[in-house]
Amino acid sequence: MSDRQKGILNALSTVFPNSLKRYCCRHIYANFKKKFSSELLKNTFWRACRSFDVTRSNSNMEELNSLSPQGHEWLMNVPTVCWAKHMFSKHTKCNHVTNNMTESFNNWIGNYRGMPIVRMYEEIRRKIMRLIHKRNMVAQEWKGDLPPIVRKKVIENRANARSLSVIFGQNNTFEVMEDISKINVLDLQEKKCDCMEWEISGLPCKYVICCIDA
């Protein structure tokens, strides 16, 4: 994931031509805001980029187009596959739309960046070893097998699943109804759900949990 600096994009294309590439939505919006500043546009942009579901993402893009056709055109010139969550690879199981982790790591290594490259790598390696040990010690205090953040998300999805109704199909297929106009079809065996959250993030969405608990 990058901030779309031309030098970085050129280097990635040369060194890692087959790698998956994403653009930080925070940087995209910062450039977008310079030309199209509006709270409505801001909220619509973030809903569009964070939607797992292509239908909802497209709906938000249509809303953005109605608010600012020029803004919509500007945004569509940025490859959708690099910033729209519903377009992300289902293989990586990572749904981040900003490069906050990259910038945090950059700050974390601090002055190491100015060292000769071999020494820099060695210092970073040692720092990571100490961090892994610290994280392992913390993990021993976990309750259950899931990391606390993942556990919190699963509990939240389970709570949201209580209002859903499920119809059993065949061969681990289900139809989950949120309301009369909002229906999701999913396959537990294939790990697929219409909302796409399960496939992209790797975490069971509320619709999946509803079927598992049924």
N, C-alpha and C. Protein backbone atom coordinates (compact mmCIF):
# COMPACT_ATOMS: atom_id res chain seq x y z
N MET A 1 0.85 -1.19 0.00
CA MET A 1 0.00 0.00 0.00
C MET A 1 0.89 1.24 0.00
N SER A 2 0.55 2.20 -0.86
CA SER A 2 1.40 3.38 -0.99
C SER A 2 0.55 4.64 -0.99
N ASP A 3 1.25 5.78 -0.95
CA ASP A 3 0.57 7.07 -1.02
C ASP A 3 0.56 7.62 -2.45
N ARG A 4 0.83 6.74 -3.42
CA ARG A 4 0.75 7.05 -4.85
C ARG A 4 1.87 7.99 -5.33
N GLN A 5 2.97 8.07 -4.58
CA GLN A 5 4.11 8.83 -5.08
C GLN A 5 4.64 8.15 -6.34
N LYS A 6 4.90 8.92 -7.37
CA LYS A 6 5.28 8.35 -8.66
C LYS A 6 6.51 7.46 -8.56
N GLY A 7 7.50 7.89 -7.77
CA GLY A 7 8.71 7.09 -7.63
C GLY A 7 8.43 5.72 -7.04
N ILE A 8 7.54 5.68 -6.05
CA ILE A 8 7.19 4.40 -5.42
C ILE A 8 6.46 3.50 -6.41
N LEU A 9 5.50 4.07 -7.15
CA LEU A 9 4.74 3.27 -8.11
C LEU A 9 5.64 2.69 -9.19
N ASN A 10 6.58 3.50 -9.68
CA ASN A 10 7.51 3.01 -10.70
C ASN A 10 8.40 1.89 -10.15
N ALA A 11 8.86 2.07 -8.91
CA ALA A 11 9.72 1.06 -8.30
C ALA A 11 8.97 -0.25 -8.08
N LEU A 12 7.72 -0.16 -7.62
CA LEU A 12 6.92 -1.36 -7.39
C LEU A 12 6.69 -2.12 -8.69
N SER A 13 6.40 -1.38 -9.76
CA SER A 13 6.15 -2.01 -11.06
C SER A 13 7.40 -2.72 -11.58
N THR A 14 8.57 -2.17 -11.23
CA THR A 14 9.83 -2.75 -11.71
C THR A 14 10.28 -3.92 -10.84
N VAL A 15 10.26 -3.73 -9.52
CA VAL A 15 10.81 -4.74 -8.61
C VAL A 15 9.79 -5.83 -8.28
N PHE A 16 8.53 -5.43 -8.10
CA PHE A 16 7.47 -6.39 -7.77
C PHE A 16 6.33 -6.29 -8.79
N PRO A 17 6.58 -6.67 -10.02
CA PRO A 17 5.57 -6.48 -11.08
C PRO A 17 4.28 -7.26 -10.86
N ASN A 18 4.34 -8.37 -10.13
CA ASN A 18 3.16 -9.21 -9.93
C ASN A 18 2.50 -9.02 -8.57
N SER A 19 3.00 -8.07 -7.79
CA SER A 19 2.45 -7.87 -6.45
C SER A 19 1.12 -7.13 -6.50
N LEU A 20 0.30 -7.37 -5.47
CA LEU A 20 -0.95 -6.64 -5.33
C LEU A 20 -0.64 -5.24 -4.83
N LYS A 21 -1.28 -4.26 -5.40
CA LYS A 21 -1.00 -2.87 -5.03
C LYS A 21 -2.28 -2.19 -4.55
N ARG A 22 -2.14 -1.43 -3.47
CA ARG A 22 -3.26 -0.64 -2.96
C ARG A 22 -2.79 0.79 -2.73
N TYR A 23 -3.74 1.71 -2.78
CA TYR A 23 -3.45 3.11 -2.50
C TYR A 23 -4.13 3.50 -1.19
N CYS A 24 -3.42 4.26 -0.38
CA CYS A 24 -3.95 4.71 0.90
C CYS A 24 -5.12 5.67 0.66
N CYS A 25 -6.29 5.32 1.18
CA CYS A 25 -7.48 6.15 0.96
C CYS A 25 -7.37 7.50 1.68
N ARG A 26 -6.58 7.54 2.73
CA ARG A 26 -6.40 8.82 3.42
C ARG A 26 -5.67 9.81 2.52
N HIS A 27 -4.67 9.31 1.79
CA HIS A 27 -3.95 10.17 0.86
C HIS A 27 -4.80 10.51 -0.37
N ILE A 28 -5.58 9.54 -0.83
CA ILE A 28 -6.48 9.81 -1.96
C ILE A 28 -7.46 10.91 -1.58
N TYR A 29 -8.05 10.78 -0.38
CA TYR A 29 -9.02 11.79 0.03
C TYR A 29 -8.37 13.16 0.25
N ALA A 30 -7.13 13.18 0.75
CA ALA A 30 -6.43 14.46 0.95
C ALA A 30 -6.29 15.20 -0.38
N ASN A 31 -5.98 14.48 -1.45
CA ASN A 31 -5.89 15.11 -2.77
C ASN A 31 -7.26 15.46 -3.32
N PHE A 32 -8.23 14.58 -3.06
CA PHE A 32 -9.61 14.82 -3.51
C PHE A 32 -10.18 16.08 -2.87
N LYS A 33 -9.89 16.24 -1.56
CA LYS A 33 -10.44 17.36 -0.80
C LYS A 33 -9.94 18.71 -1.29
N LYS A 34 -8.74 18.73 -1.85
CA LYS A 34 -8.20 20.00 -2.36
C LYS A 34 -9.05 20.56 -3.49
N LYS A 35 -9.71 19.67 -4.22
CA LYS A 35 -10.52 20.10 -5.36
C LYS A 35 -12.01 20.09 -5.04
N PHE A 36 -12.43 19.16 -4.17
CA PHE A 36 -13.86 18.97 -3.90
C PHE A 36 -14.07 18.84 -2.39
N SER A 37 -14.13 19.96 -1.72
CA SER A 37 -14.23 19.97 -0.26
C SER A 37 -15.69 20.07 0.17
N SER A 38 -16.16 19.03 0.84
CA SER A 38 -17.55 19.00 1.32
C SER A 38 -17.69 17.85 2.30
N GLU A 39 -18.39 18.08 3.40
CA GLU A 39 -18.60 17.03 4.40
C GLU A 39 -19.41 15.88 3.81
N LEU A 40 -20.39 16.21 2.95
CA LEU A 40 -21.19 15.17 2.31
C LEU A 40 -20.33 14.30 1.40
N LEU A 41 -19.46 14.95 0.63
CA LEU A 41 -18.58 14.20 -0.25
C LEU A 41 -17.61 13.33 0.55
N LYS A 42 -17.12 13.88 1.65
CA LYS A 42 -16.20 13.14 2.51
C LYS A 42 -16.85 11.85 3.02
N ASN A 43 -18.05 11.97 3.58
CA ASN A 43 -18.74 10.80 4.13
C ASN A 43 -19.07 9.78 3.05
N THR A 44 -19.48 10.27 1.88
CA THR A 44 -19.83 9.37 0.78
C THR A 44 -18.59 8.66 0.26
N PHE A 45 -17.48 9.38 0.17
CA PHE A 45 -16.23 8.76 -0.28
C PHE A 45 -15.82 7.63 0.64
N TRP A 46 -15.84 7.88 1.95
CA TRP A 46 -15.39 6.85 2.89
C TRP A 46 -16.34 5.67 2.92
N ARG A 47 -17.63 5.89 2.76
CA ARG A 47 -18.57 4.77 2.68
C ARG A 47 -18.29 3.92 1.44
N ALA A 48 -17.98 4.59 0.33
CA ALA A 48 -17.71 3.88 -0.92
C ALA A 48 -16.45 3.03 -0.81
N CYS A 49 -15.40 3.58 -0.23
CA CYS A 49 -14.14 2.83 -0.19
C CYS A 49 -14.16 1.73 0.87
N ARG A 50 -15.02 1.85 1.90
CA ARG A 50 -15.03 0.86 2.97
C ARG A 50 -16.08 -0.23 2.80
N SER A 51 -16.89 -0.15 1.77
CA SER A 51 -17.96 -1.12 1.57
C SER A 51 -17.41 -2.44 1.04
N PHE A 52 -17.72 -3.53 1.74
CA PHE A 52 -17.36 -4.86 1.24
C PHE A 52 -18.23 -5.24 0.05
N ASP A 53 -19.46 -4.76 0.07
CA ASP A 53 -20.47 -5.13 -0.91
C ASP A 53 -20.40 -4.22 -2.13
N VAL A 54 -20.26 -4.79 -3.33
CA VAL A 54 -20.15 -4.00 -4.55
C VAL A 54 -21.40 -3.17 -4.79
N THR A 55 -22.57 -3.70 -4.42
CA THR A 55 -23.82 -2.96 -4.63
C THR A 55 -23.84 -1.69 -3.80
N ARG A 56 -23.44 -1.81 -2.53
CA ARG A 56 -23.43 -0.64 -1.65
C ARG A 56 -22.35 0.35 -2.08
N SER A 57 -21.21 -0.16 -2.49
CA SER A 57 -20.15 0.73 -2.95
C SER A 57 -20.59 1.50 -4.18
N ASN A 58 -21.21 0.80 -5.13
CA ASN A 58 -21.70 1.48 -6.34
C ASN A 58 -22.79 2.49 -6.01
N SER A 59 -23.63 2.15 -5.04
CA SER A 59 -24.69 3.08 -4.62
C SER A 59 -24.08 4.36 -4.06
N ASN A 60 -23.03 4.22 -3.27
CA ASN A 60 -22.35 5.40 -2.72
C ASN A 60 -21.65 6.20 -3.81
N MET A 61 -21.10 5.51 -4.80
CA MET A 61 -20.47 6.22 -5.92
C MET A 61 -21.50 6.97 -6.75
N GLU A 62 -22.69 6.39 -6.90
CA GLU A 62 -23.77 7.08 -7.60
C GLU A 62 -24.20 8.33 -6.83
N GLU A 63 -24.25 8.19 -5.50
CA GLU A 63 -24.58 9.35 -4.66
C GLU A 63 -23.51 10.43 -4.81
N LEU A 64 -22.24 10.02 -4.82
CA LEU A 64 -21.15 10.98 -4.99
C LEU A 64 -21.26 11.67 -6.35
N ASN A 65 -21.64 10.91 -7.36
CA ASN A 65 -21.79 11.47 -8.71
C ASN A 65 -22.91 12.51 -8.75
N SER A 66 -23.99 12.25 -8.00
CA SER A 66 -25.09 13.22 -7.97
C SER A 66 -24.70 14.49 -7.22
N LEU A 67 -23.80 14.35 -6.24
CA LEU A 67 -23.35 15.51 -5.47
C LEU A 67 -22.30 16.31 -6.24
N SER A 68 -21.41 15.58 -6.94
CA SER A 68 -20.33 16.25 -7.67
C SER A 68 -19.88 15.37 -8.84
N PRO A 69 -20.43 15.58 -10.03
CA PRO A 69 -20.00 14.80 -11.20
C PRO A 69 -18.50 14.91 -11.45
N GLN A 70 -17.93 16.11 -11.22
CA GLN A 70 -16.49 16.29 -11.43
C GLN A 70 -15.68 15.49 -10.41
N GLY A 71 -16.18 15.48 -9.16
CA GLY A 71 -15.50 14.70 -8.12
C GLY A 71 -15.56 13.22 -8.42
N HIS A 72 -16.70 12.76 -8.91
CA HIS A 72 -16.85 11.36 -9.28
C HIS A 72 -15.89 10.99 -10.41
N GLU A 73 -15.80 11.85 -11.40
CA GLU A 73 -14.91 11.60 -12.53
C GLU A 73 -13.45 11.55 -12.07
N TRP A 74 -13.08 12.48 -11.17
CA TRP A 74 -11.71 12.51 -10.65
C TRP A 74 -11.39 11.20 -9.94
N LEU A 75 -12.32 10.73 -9.10
CA LEU A 75 -12.08 9.52 -8.32
C LEU A 75 -12.03 8.28 -9.20
N MET A 76 -12.85 8.24 -10.23
CA MET A 76 -12.87 7.08 -11.11
C MET A 76 -11.62 6.97 -11.96
N ASN A 77 -10.85 8.04 -12.02
CA ASN A 77 -9.57 7.98 -12.73
C ASN A 77 -8.49 7.28 -11.91
N VAL A 78 -8.78 7.05 -10.63
CA VAL A 78 -7.89 6.27 -9.77
C VAL A 78 -8.36 4.81 -9.85
N PRO A 79 -7.49 3.86 -10.20
CA PRO A 79 -7.93 2.47 -10.37
C PRO A 79 -8.70 1.95 -9.16
N THR A 80 -9.95 1.56 -9.38
CA THR A 80 -10.82 1.14 -8.28
C THR A 80 -10.24 -0.04 -7.51
N VAL A 81 -9.57 -0.92 -8.20
CA VAL A 81 -9.03 -2.12 -7.57
C VAL A 81 -7.99 -1.78 -6.50
N CYS A 82 -7.47 -0.57 -6.54
CA CYS A 82 -6.42 -0.16 -5.59
C CYS A 82 -6.97 0.53 -4.34
N TRP A 83 -8.27 0.88 -4.32
CA TRP A 83 -8.77 1.60 -3.15
C TRP A 83 -10.15 1.16 -2.67
N ALA A 84 -10.94 0.52 -3.52
CA ALA A 84 -12.29 0.10 -3.11
C ALA A 84 -12.23 -1.28 -2.47
N LYS A 85 -12.69 -1.38 -1.23
CA LYS A 85 -12.53 -2.61 -0.46
C LYS A 85 -13.16 -3.82 -1.16
N HIS A 86 -14.29 -3.62 -1.82
CA HIS A 86 -14.97 -4.76 -2.44
C HIS A 86 -14.17 -5.34 -3.61
N MET A 87 -13.16 -4.59 -4.08
CA MET A 87 -12.32 -5.05 -5.19
C MET A 87 -11.04 -5.74 -4.70
N PHE A 88 -10.81 -5.74 -3.38
CA PHE A 88 -9.57 -6.30 -2.85
C PHE A 88 -9.49 -7.81 -3.07
N SER A 89 -8.27 -8.31 -3.12
CA SER A 89 -8.04 -9.74 -3.29
C SER A 89 -8.63 -10.53 -2.13
N LYS A 90 -9.26 -11.65 -2.44
CA LYS A 90 -9.81 -12.52 -1.40
C LYS A 90 -8.74 -13.44 -0.82
N HIS A 91 -7.56 -13.38 -1.38
CA HIS A 91 -6.47 -14.26 -0.93
C HIS A 91 -5.73 -13.69 0.28
N THR A 92 -5.55 -12.38 0.30
CA THR A 92 -4.69 -11.77 1.33
C THR A 92 -5.37 -11.68 2.70
N LYS A 93 -6.70 -11.62 2.74
CA LYS A 93 -7.46 -11.49 3.99
C LYS A 93 -7.03 -10.25 4.78
N CYS A 94 -6.88 -9.16 4.08
CA CYS A 94 -6.52 -7.88 4.71
C CYS A 94 -7.43 -6.80 4.14
N ASN A 95 -8.18 -6.14 5.02
CA ASN A 95 -9.17 -5.17 4.54
C ASN A 95 -8.80 -3.73 4.88
N HIS A 96 -7.53 -3.46 5.12
CA HIS A 96 -7.11 -2.10 5.45
C HIS A 96 -7.19 -1.20 4.21
N VAL A 97 -7.68 0.02 4.39
CA VAL A 97 -7.76 0.97 3.28
C VAL A 97 -6.82 2.16 3.48
N THR A 98 -6.08 2.17 4.57
CA THR A 98 -5.07 3.22 4.80
C THR A 98 -3.73 2.56 5.11
N ASN A 99 -2.65 3.33 4.95
CA ASN A 99 -1.32 2.77 5.24
C ASN A 99 -0.81 3.22 6.60
N ASN A 100 -1.72 3.34 7.56
CA ASN A 100 -1.33 3.74 8.92
C ASN A 100 -0.28 2.80 9.51
N MET A 101 -0.43 1.49 9.23
CA MET A 101 0.54 0.53 9.77
C MET A 101 1.93 0.79 9.22
N THR A 102 2.00 1.10 7.93
CA THR A 102 3.29 1.38 7.31
C THR A 102 3.95 2.60 7.93
N GLU A 103 3.15 3.65 8.13
CA GLU A 103 3.70 4.87 8.71
C GLU A 103 4.08 4.66 10.17
N SER A 104 3.30 3.84 10.88
CA SER A 104 3.65 3.53 12.27
C SER A 104 4.98 2.78 12.34
N PHE A 105 5.16 1.83 11.41
CA PHE A 105 6.42 1.08 11.36
C PHE A 105 7.58 2.02 11.03
N ASN A 106 7.35 2.94 10.12
CA ASN A 106 8.39 3.89 9.73
C ASN A 106 8.83 4.73 10.93
N ASN A 107 7.86 5.15 11.74
CA ASN A 107 8.18 5.90 12.96
C ASN A 107 8.85 5.01 14.01
N TRP A 108 8.41 3.76 14.04
CA TRP A 108 8.90 2.81 15.05
C TRP A 108 10.39 2.53 14.88
N ILE A 109 10.86 2.45 13.62
CA ILE A 109 12.29 2.14 13.42
C ILE A 109 13.17 3.37 13.61
N GLY A 110 12.55 4.56 13.67
CA GLY A 110 13.26 5.77 14.07
C GLY A 110 14.54 6.05 13.30
N ASN A 111 15.63 6.23 14.05
CA ASN A 111 16.91 6.63 13.45
C ASN A 111 17.60 5.52 12.67
N TYR A 112 17.07 4.29 12.74
CA TYR A 112 17.69 3.20 12.00
C TYR A 112 17.74 3.49 10.50
N ARG A 113 16.81 4.29 10.02
CA ARG A 113 16.73 4.57 8.58
C ARG A 113 18.00 5.23 8.04
N GLY A 114 18.73 5.94 8.91
CA GLY A 114 19.93 6.63 8.46
C GLY A 114 21.20 5.80 8.53
N MET A 115 21.07 4.55 8.98
CA MET A 115 22.25 3.69 9.13
C MET A 115 22.62 3.04 7.80
N PRO A 116 23.87 2.53 7.69
CA PRO A 116 24.22 1.68 6.53
C PRO A 116 23.24 0.52 6.44
N ILE A 117 22.93 0.08 5.24
CA ILE A 117 21.81 -0.81 5.02
C ILE A 117 21.91 -2.13 5.80
N VAL A 118 23.10 -2.74 5.86
CA VAL A 118 23.24 -4.01 6.57
C VAL A 118 22.99 -3.82 8.06
N ARG A 119 23.59 -2.76 8.63
CA ARG A 119 23.38 -2.50 10.05
C ARG A 119 21.92 -2.17 10.32
N MET A 120 21.30 -1.42 9.42
CA MET A 120 19.89 -1.07 9.58
C MET A 120 19.04 -2.34 9.66
N TYR A 121 19.27 -3.28 8.74
CA TYR A 121 18.52 -4.53 8.75
C TYR A 121 18.73 -5.30 10.05
N GLU A 122 19.95 -5.33 10.53
CA GLU A 122 20.25 -6.05 11.77
C GLU A 122 19.55 -5.42 12.96
N GLU A 123 19.57 -4.09 13.04
CA GLU A 123 18.91 -3.40 14.15
C GLU A 123 17.40 -3.63 14.10
N ILE A 124 16.83 -3.56 12.90
CA ILE A 124 15.39 -3.81 12.76
C ILE A 124 15.06 -5.25 13.14
N ARG A 125 15.90 -6.19 12.71
CA ARG A 125 15.68 -7.60 13.05
C ARG A 125 15.66 -7.81 14.56
N ARG A 126 16.62 -7.21 15.26
CA ARG A 126 16.67 -7.36 16.72
C ARG A 126 15.45 -6.71 17.37
N LYS A 127 15.07 -5.56 16.86
CA LYS A 127 13.91 -4.85 17.41
C LYS A 127 12.64 -5.69 17.24
N ILE A 128 12.52 -6.33 16.07
CA ILE A 128 11.36 -7.18 15.82
C ILE A 128 11.38 -8.41 16.71
N MET A 129 12.57 -8.98 16.94
CA MET A 129 12.68 -10.13 17.83
C MET A 129 12.20 -9.78 19.24
N ARG A 130 12.61 -8.61 19.72
CA ARG A 130 12.17 -8.18 21.06
C ARG A 130 10.66 -7.97 21.09
N LEU A 131 10.13 -7.43 20.00
CA LEU A 131 8.68 -7.19 19.93
C LEU A 131 7.92 -8.51 19.91
N ILE A 132 8.41 -9.48 19.13
CA ILE A 132 7.74 -10.79 19.06
C ILE A 132 7.72 -11.45 20.43
N HIS A 133 8.84 -11.37 21.16
CA HIS A 133 8.89 -11.94 22.51
C HIS A 133 7.87 -11.25 23.42
N LYS A 134 7.81 -9.94 23.34
CA LYS A 134 6.86 -9.19 24.16
C LYS A 134 5.42 -9.57 23.82
N ARG A 135 5.14 -9.69 22.52
CA ARG A 135 3.78 -10.05 22.10
C ARG A 135 3.43 -11.48 22.53
N ASN A 136 4.41 -12.38 22.48
CA ASN A 136 4.17 -13.76 22.92
C ASN A 136 3.82 -13.81 24.40
N MET A 137 4.50 -13.00 25.19
CA MET A 137 4.20 -12.95 26.62
C MET A 137 2.78 -12.44 26.87
N VAL A 138 2.39 -11.42 26.11
CA VAL A 138 1.03 -10.88 26.23
C VAL A 138 0.01 -11.92 25.78
N ALA A 139 0.31 -12.65 24.69
CA ALA A 139 -0.63 -13.63 24.13
C ALA A 139 -0.92 -14.76 25.10
N GLN A 140 0.04 -15.06 25.99
CA GLN A 140 -0.18 -16.12 26.96
C GLN A 140 -1.29 -15.78 27.95
N GLU A 141 -1.63 -14.50 28.04
CA GLU A 141 -2.68 -14.06 28.96
C GLU A 141 -4.04 -13.98 28.27
N TRP A 142 -4.08 -14.28 26.98
CA TRP A 142 -5.36 -14.22 26.27
C TRP A 142 -6.34 -15.25 26.82
N LYS A 143 -7.60 -14.89 26.76
CA LYS A 143 -8.66 -15.83 27.10
C LYS A 143 -9.21 -16.40 25.80
N GLY A 144 -8.93 -17.67 25.53
CA GLY A 144 -9.35 -18.27 24.28
C GLY A 144 -8.26 -18.18 23.23
N ASP A 145 -8.57 -18.64 22.03
CA ASP A 145 -7.58 -18.72 20.96
C ASP A 145 -7.52 -17.48 20.09
N LEU A 146 -8.50 -16.61 20.19
CA LEU A 146 -8.56 -15.45 19.31
C LEU A 146 -7.87 -14.24 19.92
N PRO A 147 -7.18 -13.44 19.11
CA PRO A 147 -6.65 -12.16 19.61
C PRO A 147 -7.80 -11.28 20.09
N PRO A 148 -7.56 -10.43 21.09
CA PRO A 148 -8.64 -9.61 21.66
C PRO A 148 -9.41 -8.80 20.62
N ILE A 149 -8.72 -8.19 19.66
CA ILE A 149 -9.41 -7.36 18.67
C ILE A 149 -10.33 -8.21 17.80
N VAL A 150 -9.85 -9.40 17.40
CA VAL A 150 -10.67 -10.31 16.59
C VAL A 150 -11.85 -10.82 17.41
N ARG A 151 -11.59 -11.18 18.65
CA ARG A 151 -12.65 -11.66 19.54
C ARG A 151 -13.74 -10.61 19.70
N LYS A 152 -13.33 -9.35 19.87
CA LYS A 152 -14.29 -8.25 20.02
C LYS A 152 -15.16 -8.11 18.78
N LYS A 153 -14.54 -8.24 17.59
CA LYS A 153 -15.28 -8.12 16.34
C LYS A 153 -16.27 -9.26 16.17
N VAL A 154 -15.86 -10.48 16.52
CA VAL A 154 -16.75 -11.63 16.40
C VAL A 154 -17.94 -11.49 17.36
N ILE A 155 -17.67 -11.04 18.58
CA ILE A 155 -18.75 -10.83 19.55
C ILE A 155 -19.72 -9.76 19.05
N GLU A 156 -19.18 -8.71 18.46
CA GLU A 156 -20.01 -7.64 17.89
C GLU A 156 -20.89 -8.18 16.76
N ASN A 157 -20.29 -8.98 15.87
CA ASN A 157 -21.06 -9.56 14.77
C ASN A 157 -22.12 -10.52 15.27
N ARG A 158 -21.81 -11.27 16.32
CA ARG A 158 -22.80 -12.19 16.88
C ARG A 158 -23.98 -11.43 17.47
N ALA A 159 -23.70 -10.32 18.13
CA ALA A 159 -24.78 -9.50 18.68
C ALA A 159 -25.66 -8.94 17.56
N ASN A 160 -25.04 -8.52 16.47
CA ASN A 160 -25.80 -7.98 15.34
C ASN A 160 -26.57 -9.06 14.59
N ALA A 161 -26.18 -10.32 14.78
CA ALA A 161 -26.84 -11.42 14.07
C ALA A 161 -28.17 -11.81 14.70
N ARG A 162 -28.43 -11.35 15.90
CA ARG A 162 -29.64 -11.77 16.62
C ARG A 162 -30.93 -11.33 15.94
N SER A 163 -30.86 -10.24 15.21
CA SER A 163 -32.07 -9.71 14.57
C SER A 163 -32.31 -10.32 13.19
N LEU A 164 -31.43 -11.21 12.75
CA LEU A 164 -31.54 -11.80 11.42
C LEU A 164 -32.35 -13.09 11.45
N SER A 165 -32.96 -13.42 10.33
CA SER A 165 -33.67 -14.69 10.20
C SER A 165 -33.03 -15.49 9.07
N VAL A 166 -32.97 -16.80 9.26
CA VAL A 166 -32.24 -17.66 8.31
C VAL A 166 -33.16 -18.74 7.76
N ILE A 167 -32.99 -19.04 6.47
CA ILE A 167 -33.69 -20.14 5.81
C ILE A 167 -32.64 -21.13 5.33
N PHE A 168 -32.80 -22.39 5.72
CA PHE A 168 -31.83 -23.42 5.36
C PHE A 168 -32.02 -23.85 3.91
N GLY A 169 -30.91 -23.95 3.18
CA GLY A 169 -30.93 -24.49 1.83
C GLY A 169 -30.37 -25.90 1.85
N GLN A 170 -29.64 -26.26 0.81
CA GLN A 170 -29.01 -27.58 0.74
C GLN A 170 -27.49 -27.43 0.68
N ASN A 171 -26.82 -28.47 1.16
CA ASN A 171 -25.35 -28.51 1.09
C ASN A 171 -24.69 -27.27 1.69
N ASN A 172 -25.11 -26.94 2.92
CA ASN A 172 -24.52 -25.82 3.66
C ASN A 172 -24.75 -24.46 3.02
N THR A 173 -25.83 -24.31 2.26
CA THR A 173 -26.21 -23.01 1.72
C THR A 173 -27.38 -22.46 2.53
N PHE A 174 -27.41 -21.14 2.66
CA PHE A 174 -28.43 -20.49 3.48
C PHE A 174 -28.86 -19.18 2.83
N GLU A 175 -30.05 -18.75 3.20
CA GLU A 175 -30.52 -17.42 2.84
C GLU A 175 -30.82 -16.67 4.13
N VAL A 176 -30.17 -15.55 4.32
CA VAL A 176 -30.33 -14.78 5.55
C VAL A 176 -31.03 -13.47 5.22
N MET A 177 -32.10 -13.20 5.97
CA MET A 177 -32.90 -12.01 5.72
C MET A 177 -32.72 -11.00 6.84
N GLU A 178 -32.32 -9.80 6.45
CA GLU A 178 -32.20 -8.70 7.41
C GLU A 178 -33.50 -7.91 7.45
N ASP A 179 -34.04 -7.63 6.29
CA ASP A 179 -35.39 -7.10 6.15
C ASP A 179 -35.89 -7.57 4.79
N ILE A 180 -37.10 -7.17 4.42
CA ILE A 180 -37.73 -7.69 3.21
C ILE A 180 -36.95 -7.36 1.95
N SER A 181 -36.15 -6.29 2.00
CA SER A 181 -35.41 -5.87 0.80
C SER A 181 -33.91 -6.17 0.89
N LYS A 182 -33.49 -6.79 1.99
CA LYS A 182 -32.06 -7.03 2.20
C LYS A 182 -31.83 -8.50 2.53
N ILE A 183 -31.43 -9.26 1.51
CA ILE A 183 -31.25 -10.70 1.64
C ILE A 183 -29.84 -11.08 1.20
N ASN A 184 -29.19 -11.92 1.99
CA ASN A 184 -27.85 -12.41 1.66
C ASN A 184 -27.87 -13.93 1.52
N VAL A 185 -27.25 -14.43 0.48
CA VAL A 185 -27.10 -15.87 0.27
C VAL A 185 -25.66 -16.24 0.58
N LEU A 186 -25.48 -17.33 1.32
CA LEU A 186 -24.11 -17.72 1.66
C LEU A 186 -23.93 -19.23 1.63
N ASP A 187 -22.69 -19.62 1.52
CA ASP A 187 -22.30 -21.03 1.45
C ASP A 187 -21.20 -21.26 2.48
N LEU A 188 -21.53 -21.99 3.55
CA LEU A 188 -20.55 -22.22 4.61
C LEU A 188 -19.40 -23.09 4.14
N GLN A 189 -19.68 -24.04 3.25
CA GLN A 189 -18.64 -24.94 2.77
C GLN A 189 -17.60 -24.18 1.95
N GLU A 190 -18.07 -23.30 1.08
CA GLU A 190 -17.18 -22.54 0.20
C GLU A 190 -16.69 -21.24 0.85
N LYS A 191 -17.21 -20.94 2.04
CA LYS A 191 -16.86 -19.71 2.76
C LYS A 191 -17.13 -18.46 1.91
N LYS A 192 -18.35 -18.41 1.39
CA LYS A 192 -18.76 -17.28 0.56
C LYS A 192 -20.05 -16.68 1.10
N CYS A 193 -20.11 -15.36 1.10
CA CYS A 193 -21.32 -14.64 1.50
C CYS A 193 -21.49 -13.45 0.57
N ASP A 194 -22.73 -13.12 0.25
CA ASP A 194 -22.99 -12.02 -0.67
C ASP A 194 -22.40 -10.70 -0.20
N CYS A 195 -22.27 -10.53 1.12
CA CYS A 195 -21.76 -9.25 1.64
C CYS A 195 -20.26 -9.10 1.41
N MET A 196 -19.56 -10.22 1.15
CA MET A 196 -18.13 -10.26 0.82
C MET A 196 -17.19 -10.03 2.01
N GLU A 197 -17.73 -9.69 3.16
CA GLU A 197 -16.85 -9.40 4.31
C GLU A 197 -16.03 -10.62 4.71
N TRP A 198 -16.67 -11.78 4.73
CA TRP A 198 -15.99 -13.01 5.14
C TRP A 198 -14.83 -13.33 4.20
N GLU A 199 -15.07 -13.20 2.90
CA GLU A 199 -14.05 -13.56 1.91
C GLU A 199 -12.87 -12.60 1.93
N ILE A 200 -13.14 -11.32 2.13
CA ILE A 200 -12.07 -10.33 2.05
C ILE A 200 -11.30 -10.20 3.37
N SER A 201 -12.03 -10.17 4.49
CA SER A 201 -11.36 -9.97 5.78
C SER A 201 -10.92 -11.27 6.44
N GLY A 202 -11.59 -12.38 6.11
CA GLY A 202 -11.27 -13.64 6.75
C GLY A 202 -12.05 -13.86 8.04
N LEU A 203 -12.81 -12.86 8.50
CA LEU A 203 -13.60 -12.97 9.72
C LEU A 203 -15.07 -13.21 9.37
N PRO A 204 -15.74 -14.10 10.09
CA PRO A 204 -17.15 -14.37 9.79
C PRO A 204 -18.03 -13.15 10.06
N CYS A 205 -18.81 -12.77 9.07
CA CYS A 205 -19.72 -11.63 9.22
C CYS A 205 -20.94 -12.04 10.03
N LYS A 206 -21.83 -11.11 10.28
CA LYS A 206 -23.01 -11.40 11.10
C LYS A 206 -23.92 -12.42 10.42
N TYR A 207 -23.94 -12.44 9.09
CA TYR A 207 -24.78 -13.39 8.36
C TYR A 207 -24.25 -14.81 8.53
N VAL A 208 -22.95 -14.97 8.48
CA VAL A 208 -22.32 -16.28 8.67
C VAL A 208 -22.56 -16.77 10.09
N ILE A 209 -22.37 -15.91 11.07
CA ILE A 209 -22.56 -16.30 12.47
C ILE A 209 -24.00 -16.68 12.72
N CYS A 210 -24.93 -15.98 12.08
CA CYS A 210 -26.35 -16.31 12.21
C CYS A 210 -26.60 -17.75 11.76
N CYS A 211 -25.97 -18.16 10.66
CA CYS A 211 -26.16 -19.53 10.14
C CYS A 211 -25.46 -20.56 11.02
N ILE A 212 -24.27 -20.23 11.50
CA ILE A 212 -23.53 -21.16 12.37
C ILE A 212 -24.30 -21.41 13.66
N ASP A 213 -24.92 -20.36 14.19
CA ASP A 213 -25.65 -20.47 15.46
C ASP A 213 -27.05 -21.06 15.29
N ALA A 214 -27.53 -21.12 14.03
CA ALA A 214 -28.92 -21.56 13.80
C ALA A 214 -29.08 -23.04 14.14
